Structure formats: structure tokens, C-alpha cells
Protein backbone atom coordinates (compact mmCIF):
# COMPACT_ATOMS: atom_id res chain seq x y z
CA GLY A 1 -44.85 -5.20 -28.97
CA ALA A 2 -46.85 -1.52 -30.01
CA ASP A 3 -50.63 -2.08 -28.34
CA PRO A 4 -53.70 -1.05 -30.50
CA SER A 5 -54.04 2.02 -28.58
CA GLU A 6 -50.02 3.06 -30.07
CA ALA A 7 -50.93 2.29 -33.33
CA ARG A 8 -53.90 4.69 -33.64
CA SER A 9 -52.31 7.17 -32.07
CA ILE A 10 -49.59 7.08 -34.31
CA ARG A 11 -52.29 7.18 -37.35
CA GLU A 12 -53.57 10.12 -35.48
CA ARG A 13 -49.91 11.58 -35.01
CA VAL A 14 -48.64 11.06 -38.47
CA PRO A 15 -51.08 10.18 -40.74
CA PRO A 16 -49.59 9.10 -44.69
CA LEU A 17 -50.72 13.24 -45.69
CA LEU A 18 -47.96 14.66 -43.45
CA THR A 19 -45.54 15.24 -46.04
CA ASP A 20 -44.68 17.41 -48.50
CA LEU A 21 -46.83 18.08 -51.81
CA TYR A 22 -43.71 17.16 -54.33
CA GLN A 23 -43.57 13.77 -52.89
CA PHE A 24 -47.00 13.10 -54.70
CA THR A 25 -46.02 14.61 -58.04
CA MET A 26 -42.49 12.69 -57.89
CA ALA A 27 -44.59 10.00 -57.23
CA TYR A 28 -46.94 10.10 -60.11
CA ALA A 29 -44.23 11.04 -62.61
CA TYR A 30 -42.05 7.34 -61.33
CA TRP A 31 -45.72 5.86 -62.03
CA ARG A 32 -46.63 7.88 -65.39
CA THR A 33 -42.95 6.64 -66.48
CA GLY A 34 -43.82 3.11 -65.23
CA ARG A 35 -40.69 3.43 -62.75
CA HIS A 36 -42.80 2.76 -59.52
CA ARG A 37 -41.97 -0.55 -59.17
CA GLU A 38 -38.26 -0.11 -59.46
CA PRO A 39 -36.33 -1.51 -56.24
CA ALA A 40 -34.57 1.95 -54.31
CA VAL A 41 -32.42 2.19 -51.69
CA PHE A 42 -33.00 5.27 -49.58
CA GLU A 43 -30.92 6.42 -46.65
CA LEU A 44 -31.17 8.53 -43.71
CA PHE A 45 -28.13 10.22 -41.83
CA PHE A 46 -27.16 14.20 -40.41
CA ARG A 47 -24.23 15.89 -41.21
CA ASP A 48 -22.48 17.44 -38.31
CA ASN A 49 -22.87 16.66 -34.88
CA PRO A 50 -25.70 18.21 -32.75
CA PHE A 51 -24.73 21.45 -30.01
CA GLY A 52 -20.97 21.30 -31.25
CA GLY A 53 -20.36 18.45 -29.26
CA GLY A 54 -19.00 14.76 -30.46
CA PHE A 55 -21.81 12.43 -30.40
CA SER A 56 -25.75 12.39 -31.31
CA LEU A 57 -28.04 9.81 -30.23
CA PHE A 58 -30.14 8.14 -32.40
CA ALA A 59 -34.19 7.86 -31.56
CA GLY A 60 -37.69 7.96 -33.21
CA LEU A 61 -37.12 4.30 -34.72
CA HIS A 62 -40.26 2.63 -32.73
CA ASP A 63 -42.46 5.42 -33.94
CA CYS A 64 -41.12 5.27 -37.81
CA LEU A 65 -42.02 1.22 -37.56
CA LEU A 66 -45.52 2.09 -36.28
CA PHE A 67 -45.83 4.65 -39.13
CA LEU A 68 -44.56 1.64 -41.73
CA ARG A 69 -46.79 -1.23 -40.39
CA SER A 70 -50.24 1.47 -40.53
CA PHE A 71 -49.34 3.43 -44.27
CA ARG A 72 -52.27 3.58 -46.15
CA PHE A 73 -54.30 6.11 -48.06
CA THR A 74 -57.85 6.42 -46.51
CA ASP A 75 -61.01 7.02 -49.66
CA GLN A 76 -60.75 10.80 -47.79
CA ASP A 77 -56.99 11.22 -48.25
CA VAL A 78 -57.12 10.40 -51.99
CA ASP A 79 -59.99 12.87 -52.50
CA PHE A 80 -58.24 15.53 -51.25
CA LEU A 81 -55.04 14.39 -53.08
CA ARG A 82 -57.55 14.82 -56.38
CA SER A 83 -58.64 18.32 -55.23
CA VAL A 84 -54.75 19.72 -54.94
CA LEU A 85 -52.78 17.57 -57.57
CA PRO A 86 -52.30 19.08 -61.10
CA PRO A 87 -55.32 18.46 -63.37
CA ALA A 88 -53.59 16.81 -65.84
CA THR A 89 -52.75 13.84 -63.06
CA ASP A 90 -54.53 10.39 -64.87
CA PRO A 91 -57.27 9.18 -62.52
CA ALA A 92 -55.68 5.87 -62.19
CA PHE A 93 -52.69 7.35 -60.31
CA PHE A 94 -55.02 7.37 -57.41
CA GLU A 95 -56.59 3.80 -57.73
CA PHE A 96 -52.82 2.79 -57.36
CA LEU A 97 -52.53 5.28 -54.25
CA ARG A 98 -55.32 3.93 -52.62
CA GLY A 99 -53.77 0.48 -52.95
CA LEU A 100 -50.49 1.47 -51.64
CA ASP A 101 -48.98 0.14 -48.28
CA CYS A 102 -45.08 -1.00 -46.95
CA SER A 103 -45.84 -4.52 -47.69
CA GLY A 104 -42.94 -4.44 -50.18
CA VAL A 105 -40.93 -2.26 -47.88
CA THR A 106 -37.68 -3.51 -45.72
CA LEU A 107 -36.02 -1.26 -43.17
CA ARG A 108 -32.25 -1.54 -41.66
CA SER A 109 -31.64 0.40 -38.90
CA VAL A 110 -29.58 1.16 -35.82
CA PRO A 111 -30.87 0.50 -32.39
CA GLU A 112 -32.96 3.18 -31.01
CA GLY A 113 -31.16 4.40 -28.36
CA THR A 114 -28.01 3.58 -29.59
CA VAL A 115 -25.08 6.50 -29.70
CA VAL A 116 -24.57 7.70 -33.38
CA PHE A 117 -22.45 10.08 -35.35
CA ALA A 118 -22.68 12.21 -38.16
CA ARG A 119 -22.72 10.85 -41.84
CA VAL A 120 -23.26 7.32 -40.87
CA PRO A 121 -25.98 6.26 -42.54
CA LEU A 122 -28.19 5.24 -39.38
CA MET A 123 -31.55 3.87 -41.90
CA GLU A 124 -31.75 1.88 -45.11
CA VAL A 125 -35.28 2.26 -46.38
CA ALA A 126 -35.54 -0.22 -49.29
CA GLY A 127 -38.73 -1.11 -51.66
CA PRO A 128 -40.64 0.48 -54.77
CA LEU A 129 -39.06 3.22 -56.04
CA ALA A 130 -42.48 4.96 -55.40
CA VAL A 131 -43.66 3.68 -52.08
CA VAL A 132 -40.06 5.02 -50.35
CA GLN A 133 -39.92 8.09 -52.15
CA LEU A 134 -43.54 8.78 -50.51
CA LEU A 135 -42.19 8.09 -47.09
CA GLU A 136 -39.54 10.11 -46.70
CA THR A 137 -40.94 13.30 -45.07
CA SER A 138 -42.64 11.43 -42.32
CA LEU A 139 -39.40 9.43 -41.98
CA LEU A 140 -37.30 12.34 -41.25
CA CYS A 141 -39.85 14.14 -38.66
CA LEU A 142 -40.26 11.26 -36.67
CA VAL A 143 -36.40 11.02 -35.96
CA ASN A 144 -34.97 14.36 -36.04
CA TYR A 145 -36.60 15.82 -33.36
CA ALA A 146 -36.62 12.78 -31.19
CA SER A 147 -33.18 12.46 -31.98
CA LEU A 148 -31.87 15.84 -31.56
CA VAL A 149 -34.03 16.54 -27.63
CA CYS A 150 -32.83 12.90 -26.76
CA SER A 151 -29.51 14.02 -27.18
CA ASN A 152 -29.72 16.99 -26.03
CA ALA A 153 -31.16 15.26 -22.54
CA ALA A 154 -28.13 13.44 -22.65
CA ARG A 155 -25.68 16.09 -22.20
CA PHE A 156 -27.97 17.35 -19.55
CA ARG A 157 -27.36 14.21 -17.81
CA LEU A 158 -23.82 14.06 -18.35
CA ALA A 159 -23.51 17.90 -17.20
CA ALA A 160 -25.26 16.67 -14.26
CA GLY A 161 -23.53 13.66 -13.55
CA PRO A 162 -25.22 10.25 -12.53
CA ARG A 163 -26.39 10.88 -8.87
CA ARG A 164 -28.56 13.78 -8.84
CA ARG A 165 -32.39 13.52 -10.22
CA LEU A 166 -33.70 15.25 -13.72
CA LEU A 167 -37.47 16.57 -13.88
CA GLU A 168 -38.32 17.69 -17.46
CA MET A 169 -40.88 20.30 -17.22
CA GLY A 170 -41.19 22.18 -20.56
CA LEU A 171 -44.61 21.71 -22.01
CA ARG A 172 -45.44 25.16 -21.77
CA ARG A 173 -42.60 25.99 -23.54
CA ALA A 174 -42.65 23.42 -26.27
CA GLN A 175 -43.35 23.73 -29.97
CA GLY A 176 -46.66 22.82 -29.94
CA PRO A 177 -48.24 20.13 -28.06
CA ASP A 178 -46.55 17.01 -30.28
CA GLY A 179 -43.56 18.75 -29.54
CA GLY A 180 -44.10 18.84 -25.81
CA LEU A 181 -44.79 14.93 -26.03
CA THR A 182 -42.01 14.08 -27.91
CA ALA A 183 -39.34 16.26 -25.66
CA SER A 184 -40.93 14.70 -22.51
CA ARG A 185 -40.90 11.18 -24.23
CA TYR A 186 -37.08 10.87 -25.20
CA THR A 187 -35.87 13.69 -22.81
CA TYR A 188 -36.54 10.53 -20.37
CA ILE A 189 -35.12 8.20 -22.90
CA GLY A 190 -32.28 10.28 -23.07
CA GLY A 191 -31.41 10.26 -19.09
CA PHE A 192 -34.09 12.09 -17.54
CA ASP A 193 -35.72 10.74 -14.47
CA LEU A 194 -39.10 12.59 -14.26
CA THR A 195 -41.58 14.73 -16.44
CA SER A 196 -44.04 17.35 -15.54
CA ASN A 197 -46.36 15.78 -18.53
CA VAL A 198 -49.63 13.90 -17.50
CA GLN A 199 -50.19 12.99 -21.06
CA ALA A 200 -46.53 10.99 -21.52
CA GLY A 201 -47.27 9.66 -18.46
CA PHE A 202 -50.43 8.17 -19.56
CA LEU A 203 -48.89 7.36 -23.02
CA PHE A 204 -45.60 6.10 -22.66
CA GLY A 205 -45.68 5.21 -18.88
CA THR A 206 -43.15 8.16 -18.25
CA PRO A 207 -42.81 8.80 -14.29
CA VAL A 208 -44.44 12.06 -13.69
CA ALA A 209 -44.26 14.58 -10.70
CA GLY A 210 -45.18 18.04 -9.79
CA THR A 211 -46.93 19.87 -6.49
CA MET A 212 -47.51 23.68 -6.83
CA ALA A 213 -47.37 26.51 -8.39
CA HIS A 214 -46.51 29.83 -6.48
CA SER A 215 -49.91 30.88 -7.61
CA TYR A 216 -51.44 28.05 -4.87
CA VAL A 217 -49.56 29.82 -2.42
CA THR A 218 -50.18 33.56 -3.11
CA SER A 219 -54.03 32.96 -3.88
CA PHE A 220 -54.26 32.06 0.46
CA THR A 221 -54.22 35.28 2.87
CA SER A 222 -55.03 34.48 6.49
CA LEU A 223 -54.96 31.13 8.16
CA GLU A 224 -59.22 31.20 8.46
CA GLU A 225 -58.68 29.95 4.98
CA VAL A 226 -57.14 26.76 5.84
CA TRP A 227 -59.66 23.68 5.92
CA PRO A 228 -60.19 21.44 7.50
CA GLN A 229 -58.36 22.73 10.51
CA THR A 230 -57.57 19.13 12.07
CA LEU A 231 -55.39 16.08 10.32
CA VAL A 232 -55.48 12.38 12.12
CA ALA A 233 -51.45 10.43 12.85
CA ALA A 234 -50.45 8.59 10.44
CA ASN A 235 -50.74 5.90 13.11
CA GLY A 236 -54.44 5.60 12.64
CA ASP A 237 -54.96 7.06 16.09
CA PRO A 238 -58.91 7.97 15.25
CA ASP A 239 -58.88 11.70 17.03
CA PRO A 240 -58.50 14.23 14.95
CA VAL A 241 -55.31 16.91 16.02
CA ASP A 242 -55.78 20.66 15.68
CA PHE A 243 -53.04 21.03 12.93
CA ILE A 244 -52.94 24.80 12.74
CA SER A 245 -52.36 25.05 16.44
CA LEU A 246 -49.46 22.21 16.67
CA THR A 247 -47.60 24.14 13.72
CA LYS A 248 -47.87 27.25 15.15
CA GLY A 249 -46.13 25.98 18.39
CA TRP A 250 -43.49 24.45 15.95
CA LEU A 251 -43.54 27.82 14.18
CA SER A 252 -42.22 30.11 17.59
CA ARG A 253 -39.92 27.17 18.04
CA VAL A 254 -38.16 27.34 14.91
CA CYS A 255 -37.61 31.53 14.89
CA GLU A 256 -36.25 31.13 18.50
CA LEU A 257 -33.70 28.07 16.85
CA LEU A 258 -33.26 30.36 14.00
CA GLY A 259 -33.25 33.65 16.10
CA ALA A 260 -36.06 34.79 13.57
CA GLU A 261 -38.12 37.70 13.57
CA SER A 262 -42.00 36.01 13.62
CA GLY A 263 -42.90 39.67 11.93
CA LYS A 264 -41.68 38.89 8.47
CA ILE A 265 -43.12 35.91 8.11
CA ARG A 266 -46.28 35.33 5.65
CA GLU A 267 -49.52 34.02 6.83
CA GLY A 268 -50.62 33.45 3.77
CA GLU A 269 -48.23 31.61 2.92
CA LEU A 270 -48.50 29.00 6.00
CA ALA A 271 -52.08 29.00 5.59
CA ALA A 272 -50.92 27.38 2.23
CA PHE A 273 -48.65 25.02 3.33
CA LEU A 274 -51.17 23.73 5.92
CA SER A 275 -53.60 23.32 3.28
CA TYR A 276 -51.54 21.16 0.94
CA ALA A 277 -49.97 19.49 4.20
CA ILE A 278 -53.77 18.57 5.51
CA ALA A 279 -54.62 17.14 1.76
CA TYR A 280 -51.86 15.69 1.35
CA PRO A 281 -49.98 14.64 4.02
CA HIS A 282 -47.32 11.99 2.21
CA ASN A 283 -46.68 14.72 -0.47
CA PHE A 284 -45.93 17.52 1.46
CA LEU A 285 -43.02 19.59 -1.15
CA PRO A 286 -44.00 23.30 -1.11
CA VAL A 287 -42.47 26.11 -3.44
CA ILE A 288 -40.78 28.16 -0.73
CA ASP A 289 -39.61 31.31 -2.67
CA SER A 290 -42.85 32.92 -3.13
CA TYR A 291 -42.05 35.64 -0.57
CA SER A 292 -38.39 35.45 1.04
CA VAL A 293 -36.91 32.04 1.56
CA GLY A 294 -35.13 33.23 4.81
CA CYS A 295 -37.90 35.15 6.21
CA SER A 296 -40.92 33.32 5.67
CA GLY A 297 -41.00 30.51 3.19
CA LEU A 298 -38.34 28.13 4.89
CA LEU A 299 -39.69 28.59 8.66
CA ASN A 300 -43.12 28.11 7.66
CA PHE A 301 -42.03 24.75 5.90
CA CYS A 302 -40.03 24.03 8.64
CA ALA A 303 -43.06 23.99 11.11
CA VAL A 304 -45.98 22.19 8.91
CA ALA A 305 -42.82 19.96 8.32
CA LEU A 306 -42.05 19.15 11.60
CA ALA A 307 -46.22 18.90 13.11
CA LEU A 308 -46.16 16.34 10.40
CA SER A 309 -43.57 14.53 11.49
CA GLU A 310 -45.17 14.68 14.96
CA LEU A 311 -47.72 12.82 13.89
CA GLY A 312 -45.62 10.11 12.05
CA TYR A 313 -45.79 11.31 8.29
CA ARG A 314 -42.50 12.10 6.20
CA PRO A 315 -42.55 15.58 4.93
CA VAL A 316 -40.91 14.98 1.16
CA GLY A 317 -38.63 18.70 0.93
CA VAL A 318 -38.97 22.09 -0.92
CA ARG A 319 -38.33 23.63 -4.38
CA LEU A 320 -36.56 26.83 -4.98
CA ASP A 321 -37.48 28.60 -7.80
CA SER A 322 -35.14 32.08 -7.91
CA GLY A 323 -32.18 33.74 -7.19
CA ASP A 324 -28.77 31.77 -6.48
CA LEU A 325 -30.40 28.47 -6.12
CA CYS A 326 -26.52 26.98 -4.59
CA SER A 327 -26.48 29.27 -2.25
CA GLN A 328 -29.80 29.16 -0.59
CA SER A 329 -29.81 25.23 -1.04
CA VAL A 330 -26.88 25.45 1.49
CA ASP A 331 -28.71 27.91 3.53
CA VAL A 332 -31.54 25.33 3.54
CA ARG A 333 -29.71 22.15 3.96
CA ARG A 334 -27.88 24.21 7.05
CA VAL A 335 -31.52 24.41 8.56
CA PHE A 336 -33.02 20.89 8.45
CA LYS A 337 -29.69 19.79 9.74
CA LEU A 338 -30.09 22.05 12.97
CA CYS A 339 -33.36 21.20 12.99
CA ASN A 340 -32.89 17.55 13.09
CA GLU A 341 -30.10 17.87 16.16
CA HIS A 342 -32.29 20.27 17.63
CA PHE A 343 -35.69 18.53 18.00
CA SER A 344 -34.31 15.37 16.99
CA VAL A 345 -36.52 14.62 13.97
CA SER A 346 -34.79 11.83 11.82
CA THR A 347 -36.96 13.15 9.01
CA PHE A 348 -35.50 16.08 8.16
CA ASP A 349 -32.43 14.00 7.73
CA SER A 350 -33.52 12.85 4.13
CA LEU A 351 -35.37 16.18 3.37
CA ILE A 352 -35.00 16.59 -0.60
CA ILE A 353 -34.27 20.10 -2.52
CA VAL A 354 -35.44 20.70 -5.71
CA GLY A 355 -33.94 23.73 -7.80
CA THR A 356 -35.96 25.06 -10.79
CA ASN A 357 -34.95 28.15 -12.80
CA ASN A 358 -34.51 28.58 -15.72
CA ILE A 359 -31.48 25.82 -16.02
CA SER A 360 -29.11 25.20 -19.06
CA GLU A 361 -26.68 23.08 -20.11
CA GLN A 362 -24.22 25.48 -18.44
CA SER A 363 -25.62 26.53 -15.91
CA MET A 364 -26.36 22.44 -14.99
CA ALA A 365 -22.60 22.31 -15.38
CA GLU A 366 -21.43 24.87 -12.93
CA LEU A 367 -23.78 23.14 -10.48
CA ASN A 368 -21.14 20.46 -9.99
CA LYS A 369 -18.27 23.25 -9.80
CA LYS A 370 -20.28 25.33 -6.67
CA GLU A 371 -20.83 23.85 -3.27
CA ASN A 372 -25.18 23.49 -3.40
CA GLU A 373 -27.19 20.72 -1.31
CA ILE A 374 -30.01 20.33 -4.66
CA ASP A 375 -30.96 16.87 -5.05
CA VAL A 376 -33.35 17.53 -8.02
CA VAL A 377 -33.30 19.91 -10.79
CA GLY A 378 -36.05 20.69 -13.16
CA VAL A 379 -35.12 21.77 -16.71
CA GLY A 380 -37.80 23.28 -18.90
CA THR A 381 -36.99 26.03 -21.81
CA HIS A 382 -33.22 25.00 -22.65
CA LEU A 383 -34.15 21.66 -22.64
CA VAL A 384 -37.18 20.87 -24.70
CA THR A 385 -36.39 23.68 -27.60
CA CYS A 386 -32.72 22.59 -28.11
CA THR A 387 -31.61 26.42 -27.67
CA LYS A 388 -28.40 25.66 -28.43
CA GLN A 389 -29.69 24.20 -31.80
CA PRO A 390 -32.95 24.23 -33.15
CA SER A 391 -32.53 21.08 -35.31
CA LEU A 392 -30.26 17.74 -35.81
CA GLY A 393 -30.66 18.61 -40.24
CA CYS A 394 -31.04 14.56 -40.80
CA VAL A 395 -32.08 13.85 -44.56
CA TYR A 396 -33.29 11.22 -46.43
CA LYS A 397 -30.87 9.95 -49.68
CA LEU A 398 -31.50 8.00 -52.80
CA VAL A 399 -28.66 5.49 -53.06
CA GLU A 400 -28.94 2.90 -55.04
CA VAL A 401 -32.05 2.20 -58.18
CA ARG A 402 -32.49 -0.99 -59.70
CA GLY A 403 -29.38 -2.38 -58.69
CA ARG A 404 -27.26 1.02 -60.02
CA PRO A 405 -25.54 3.14 -56.90
CA THR A 406 -26.66 6.55 -57.15
CA MET A 407 -24.69 9.95 -55.75
CA LYS A 408 -25.56 13.34 -55.64
CA ILE A 409 -22.55 15.64 -56.67
CA SER A 410 -24.05 18.79 -55.64
CA GLU A 411 -22.13 22.67 -56.12
CA ASP A 412 -21.73 22.56 -52.44
CA PRO A 413 -19.02 19.07 -51.42
CA GLN A 414 -20.67 19.13 -47.89
CA LYS A 415 -24.06 18.27 -49.73
CA SER A 416 -22.67 15.34 -51.69
CA THR A 417 -23.70 12.04 -50.90
CA VAL A 418 -22.34 8.47 -50.42
CA PRO A 419 -23.30 5.79 -53.09
CA GLY A 420 -24.23 2.30 -52.95
CA ARG A 421 -25.66 -0.11 -50.66
CA LYS A 422 -24.00 -0.07 -47.57
CA ALA A 423 -23.26 -1.65 -44.22
CA VAL A 424 -21.76 0.00 -41.24
CA TYR A 425 -19.35 -1.82 -38.67
CA ARG A 426 -18.42 -0.32 -35.17
CA LEU A 427 -14.75 -0.84 -34.21
CA MET A 428 -13.76 -1.11 -30.60
CA ASP A 429 -9.93 -0.77 -29.17
CA THR A 430 -8.78 -3.71 -26.29
CA GLU A 431 -10.82 -1.26 -24.01
CA GLY A 432 -14.07 -2.10 -25.50
CA HIS A 433 -14.56 1.54 -26.71
CA PRO A 434 -15.85 2.24 -30.10
CA PHE A 435 -12.91 4.33 -32.25
CA LEU A 436 -14.09 4.46 -35.58
CA ASP A 437 -17.20 3.42 -38.21
CA LEU A 438 -16.44 1.72 -41.12
CA VAL A 439 -18.91 2.34 -43.67
CA CYS A 440 -18.55 -0.61 -46.28
CA LEU A 441 -20.38 -1.64 -49.29
CA ALA A 442 -22.80 -4.31 -48.38
CA VAL A 443 -21.33 -7.09 -50.68
CA GLU A 444 -18.29 -6.60 -49.22
CA PRO A 445 -16.93 -9.10 -46.28
CA PRO A 446 -16.62 -7.62 -42.97
CA PRO A 447 -13.95 -6.50 -41.07
CA GLN A 448 -12.15 -9.16 -38.50
CA VAL A 449 -10.89 -8.58 -35.73
CA GLY A 450 -6.54 -8.50 -35.44
CA VAL A 451 -6.91 -8.05 -39.00
CA PRO A 452 -5.48 -4.47 -40.08
CA LEU A 453 -7.83 -3.56 -42.31
CA SER A 454 -7.17 0.29 -44.62
CA TYR A 455 -9.86 3.08 -44.93
CA ARG A 456 -10.26 6.56 -46.46
CA LEU A 457 -11.66 9.16 -44.89
CA LEU A 458 -14.48 11.73 -46.85
CA GLY A 459 -12.99 14.02 -48.90
CA ASP A 460 -9.43 12.86 -48.10
CA ASP A 461 -6.98 10.60 -49.93
CA SER A 462 -4.68 9.59 -47.90
CA VAL A 463 -4.97 5.94 -47.05
CA HIS A 464 -5.02 5.24 -43.15
CA SER A 465 -4.93 1.41 -41.30
CA VAL A 466 -6.12 -0.11 -38.21
CA THR A 467 -6.75 -3.40 -36.41
CA PRO A 468 -10.00 -3.86 -34.70
CA ALA A 469 -10.10 -5.33 -30.70
CA GLN A 470 -14.23 -5.84 -31.78
CA VAL A 471 -15.87 -4.93 -34.13
CA THR A 472 -20.04 -5.45 -34.32
CA CYS A 473 -22.13 -4.21 -37.13
CA LEU A 474 -24.01 -1.19 -36.37
CA ARG A 475 -27.61 -2.10 -38.27
CA GLN A 476 -29.93 -4.72 -37.85
CA GLU A 477 -33.26 -5.35 -39.97
CA VAL A 478 -36.27 -4.37 -37.66
CA PHE A 479 -38.77 -4.30 -40.61
CA THR A 480 -39.43 -6.74 -43.35
CA ARG A 481 -42.13 -6.80 -46.01
CA GLY A 482 -44.59 -5.28 -44.19
CA GLU A 483 -44.13 -6.74 -41.20
CA VAL A 484 -41.86 -5.42 -37.47
CA THR A 485 -39.46 -7.93 -37.49
CA HIS A 486 -37.55 -6.76 -34.16
CA PRO A 487 -39.16 -6.57 -30.79
CA LEU A 488 -40.32 -3.53 -30.12
CA CYS A 489 -38.41 -1.77 -26.63
CA SER A 490 -40.04 -0.11 -23.99
CA ALA A 491 -39.23 3.65 -23.33
CA LYS A 492 -37.45 2.25 -20.16
CA GLU A 493 -36.02 -0.23 -22.06
CA THR A 494 -34.06 2.27 -24.63
CA ARG A 495 -33.54 4.42 -21.81
CA ALA A 496 -31.38 1.79 -20.07
CA LYS A 497 -29.69 0.84 -23.45
CA VAL A 498 -28.63 4.78 -23.66
CA GLN A 499 -26.88 4.54 -20.56
CA VAL A 500 -24.91 1.38 -21.44
CA SER A 501 -24.01 2.94 -25.23
CA LEU A 502 -22.89 6.20 -23.48
CA GLN A 503 -20.87 4.28 -20.93
CA SER A 504 -19.07 2.66 -23.19
CA LEU A 505 -17.84 5.80 -25.30
CA HIS A 506 -14.59 7.34 -24.78
CA PRO A 507 -14.56 10.22 -22.59
CA ARG A 508 -12.99 12.22 -25.32
CA HIS A 509 -15.48 11.74 -27.85
CA LYS A 510 -17.97 12.46 -25.10
CA ARG A 511 -16.74 15.87 -23.63
CA LEU A 512 -19.52 18.39 -23.34
CA GLN A 513 -16.91 21.36 -24.96
CA ASP A 514 -14.31 20.63 -27.46
CA PRO A 515 -14.57 16.36 -27.59
CA ASP A 516 -12.31 14.78 -30.26
CA SER A 517 -13.82 14.16 -33.11
CA TYR A 518 -14.54 10.62 -33.71
CA THR A 519 -13.67 8.76 -36.88
CA VAL A 520 -16.36 7.71 -39.15
CA ALA A 521 -14.23 6.31 -42.14
CA LEU A 522 -15.00 4.76 -45.85
CA SER A 523 -14.35 1.34 -46.84
CA GLU A 524 -11.45 1.19 -50.11
CA LYS A 525 -13.77 -0.35 -52.13
CA VAL A 526 -16.53 3.07 -51.37
CA HIS A 527 -14.19 5.39 -51.67
CA LYS A 528 -13.22 3.67 -55.19
CA LEU A 529 -16.94 4.01 -55.91
CA VAL A 530 -17.45 7.48 -55.11
CA THR A 531 -14.08 8.03 -57.22
CA GLU A 532 -15.78 6.38 -60.35
CA ILE A 533 -18.87 7.90 -60.29
CA ARG A 534 -17.61 11.68 -59.85
CA ARG A 535 -15.27 10.54 -62.81
CA GLY A 536 -18.12 9.12 -64.83
CA SER A 537 -20.64 12.48 -64.25
CA SER A 538 -17.81 14.40 -66.37
CA ASN A 539 -17.76 11.68 -68.99
CA ASP A 540 -21.41 11.46 -68.63
CA SER A 541 -22.46 15.05 -71.48
CA ASN A 542 -21.16 12.76 -74.34
CA PHE A 543 -25.02 10.99 -74.72
CA LEU A 544 -26.20 14.51 -76.68
CA TRP A 545 -23.79 13.91 -79.68
CA ALA A 546 -24.71 9.97 -79.71
CA ASN A 547 -26.79 9.11 -82.71
């Protein structure tokens, strides 16, 4: 379930005024005509798969449910609306708004974390016309970016392969505080392991990580700044050890082993590493490229890490943040192995190398083609800002009112909608890979396993036929007359669902470059309805000549 703080946070993040003004002017006009209580059905979908890819992930449902559950206008909301709506607005309308909630609304939806495709109706919102109209902008705002950034994260995960750990660290580049939080939350769901964002950890339980920036390293200039200068051994021996002398001894042995000149080693960097190691002997993972990795950073790290190991601690690893991460990581790993063999310290076997440096989906994919030793990749800007495509373009369209199907025909065929209340079925082949999503009218019987069925493609009149090996109903009723009727999943559960959903998808639809396009089809009955309404619209002008 949702805890009270979540409900409170949704009211703060998405109050009912977080919508477009025209929703209120339409609601008023419906109310004025006495149509505000007519049963209406809207659908939410997007028109193209994002990032030139073959799929998207559906995310944001959890927030939509909390939003619907707490949807109510306060006195202050209504007072403000009085001041911005045209003066002709009947005062009784504001009383109507004051009593409005979602007790008449029902939501059918694809489960959060499901792989979805363009033009499939993901959510169906049914209820009194004025209310479901007022929900449009807020629901789109909750689904659009969440689904986009979640899909982006899934692409980074596919590019990285299953074993590498991924850290999201884009908060400072994100589109404002809410964009940053949304990114941290949904990139975790999309397949990242960690975030740098502390508030995301607090709100959503996302695992957080981070140790130090270059500013910490460059703030030190000499060993005199290291304080305290001693460290007690991990085994609890009470006598403090002079940690600076211990490390200096190790440093000269490391220089000797690697044939390095001690003259190029930065004293300030060593002081920074020592101070951090004394503060956090169990969590030593410095950034080693503030000056020079080969001439200073790596040597200083090895010396401090060897001193920690001698005292029974396990150093964690290093971070590289500039230059050719692949070749540097190979050099760093080679030095770790040398130290391990030469000084026989097993802790150097399990040191991790973190790479962070303007990583894009493309550079992530290239990591797999080059020899490298990077265990964890940190991604910021390209992940959270979705540089390849800034919006998913979800839309919310009326498909039925008073039980009558409605359709937007539009000057632009791409923007026309599919009328009527629908059911969506996902058809699988004998291997369990989905190969077709079938959009039917809600009243039609579902497709049967092993029974051939004919279907049409949008904007194509030819008839195709297929026989499914498995059929699933894609959407569930998740909110019924004001109540959440489906258990809310934790971020961790949704994250697992994403991986299961992606694994079932055939590799040809998952390819990051030039994927095969997945079939989204209309049943014969839907096709017939579209044709009838299109035909009807050309005969509609007769009303002008009727008596």
C-alpha cells in the first residue's frame, strides 16, 4: 500500500490546480449545458516508440493512483479559480467544484513496468465527463516523463549488459527538483542499481552511493592537514597506529615495484586520501584523476589501500572521471594485480573501478566492444535529460461519451484516434515472445489460443491472419469508483517486473539500433467502426438542411 507521507507528497507535487486552464473552461461549459455527469471514456497512449527504438516501458501508474485517490479542490483552490475564470462564470459552478472528487472514476491500465508499444491504449479513464476531462493534464504529466526516463534507463541497461552496475547521478543537470527526483526513481525501476540522490533514497528507498569529488582532493596541499593522524586496526587492537608513516612506507614500496618517480606524486592528494581513509576506513573509494592517474592518483591510492589492508580493512576501489576510461581501467587493474601478487594482499583482488565521464547510450554500448575493467558506470546528463528525445508525447483522447463512440478525424491522419471502449490483448508465440498487441472493442470475445484470427493494421485495408500460442489481457482494473483496487507495488517489485517483461521480448524488438517494428493491430470490429465513423462524418453536414 501507500503510506500517508506518499499521499501527502503527491498532494504537494500534483495538486489539482496543476493542470491547464482550458480544462476548467471546458468543465464549466459542460456543467452549464448539464452534460457534466454524462459517462465518458478517455484513453492515454503515445504515437511513436521513443529513441528510435522498438519499445517503451510504462511508468507513473503508482502516482496516478495516489493522485486520483486524493483529488479534491480546497477552498483556496476554488477562490483562485474564481479570480482567473471569466467573470460570466456562474457562482454555483464553484460550489460544484468544491464537492468534486474521483468517487465516480474507474481506471483500467497496463501494469506499471510493462513493455508497451506505440498506439496501444495504456490507460482507460472512465467517469463523469467534467471530472475525467479535468484529470487529463495531470495524468499525462505523471506518465510522460516517468515512462520516457524509465525507457531510457532500460536502453542504457541493455547497452551495458546485465552484469555491470549502473549508478544514476544526474540530479545537478536534471530539469528542476521534481525532474531530478522523478529521474532517480524511474531510472532505478528501469534497471539502474544506485542513485547519488539522497532525497530519492529517503522517499523511495532507492539505494544511494557516492564518496568524493575533485574539490575534496584539491582542497588539501600537505600532509600537515591530515588529522587525526592515527587509525586503530579493524580487529579491535586498542593501540592507534601512525597511519601517515605506515602509508609512506607503502608508497615507497609501490614506487619501487612500478618503477615510478616519487617526485611527481602530489602531497595534497595523498593528504586527501589519508584523511578520507581515516574518516571512513571501510568505505575508501577516492577519485584518482585530479592530477595524473598514472603519476600520482593510482600510486597514492595503492599506498593508502595497502596500509588499510595491513590494518585489516577492505578498501573499496577507485573512480575515474576523465580521459579514455577503458584504457585507464585496464592499466589500473594491471597495477592492482601486480600489488596483489607482489605484496600478497587479497583485498586487491576485489577492488572495483567506477567510470564516470559524460556517458551516453552510445558510449555505454562501445564499452562492451573495447577491452576494459570498469565494474560500475555512473551516468548523469544523457540519462536524466533524455538527450536523444525530450518527450514521449503521450496524449489523452475521448473515445466514448454516453455509450457512443467518438473519434478525432483530423487534418493529419497521424493524429486521428481509434473510437470506442476497448480491450487490449497481447499475443505470444510458442516460445513465449509477444509478437502482436490486438486492440478490440470491449464487447468482443477475447482471442482464443490456437484459433486463427484476422486483423487489420492502422491505415491499411488488407486483412492479415494469425494464430496465437498464448493470449494475455494487457490491462487490469486498478481504480474503481474512488478506491485503489489493485495492490500498489514497491519500486523494487516494479523494477523486477521490468526485467521480466524485457526478457520476454524477442531480441529483434529490443535492438537499440534499427529494431524490427512490433505489430499493433485492430480487430475487424474496430476497423469496421473506424470506417463507419469516417463515412458518417462526410454525411454529417445534412443537419444544416433539416427542418
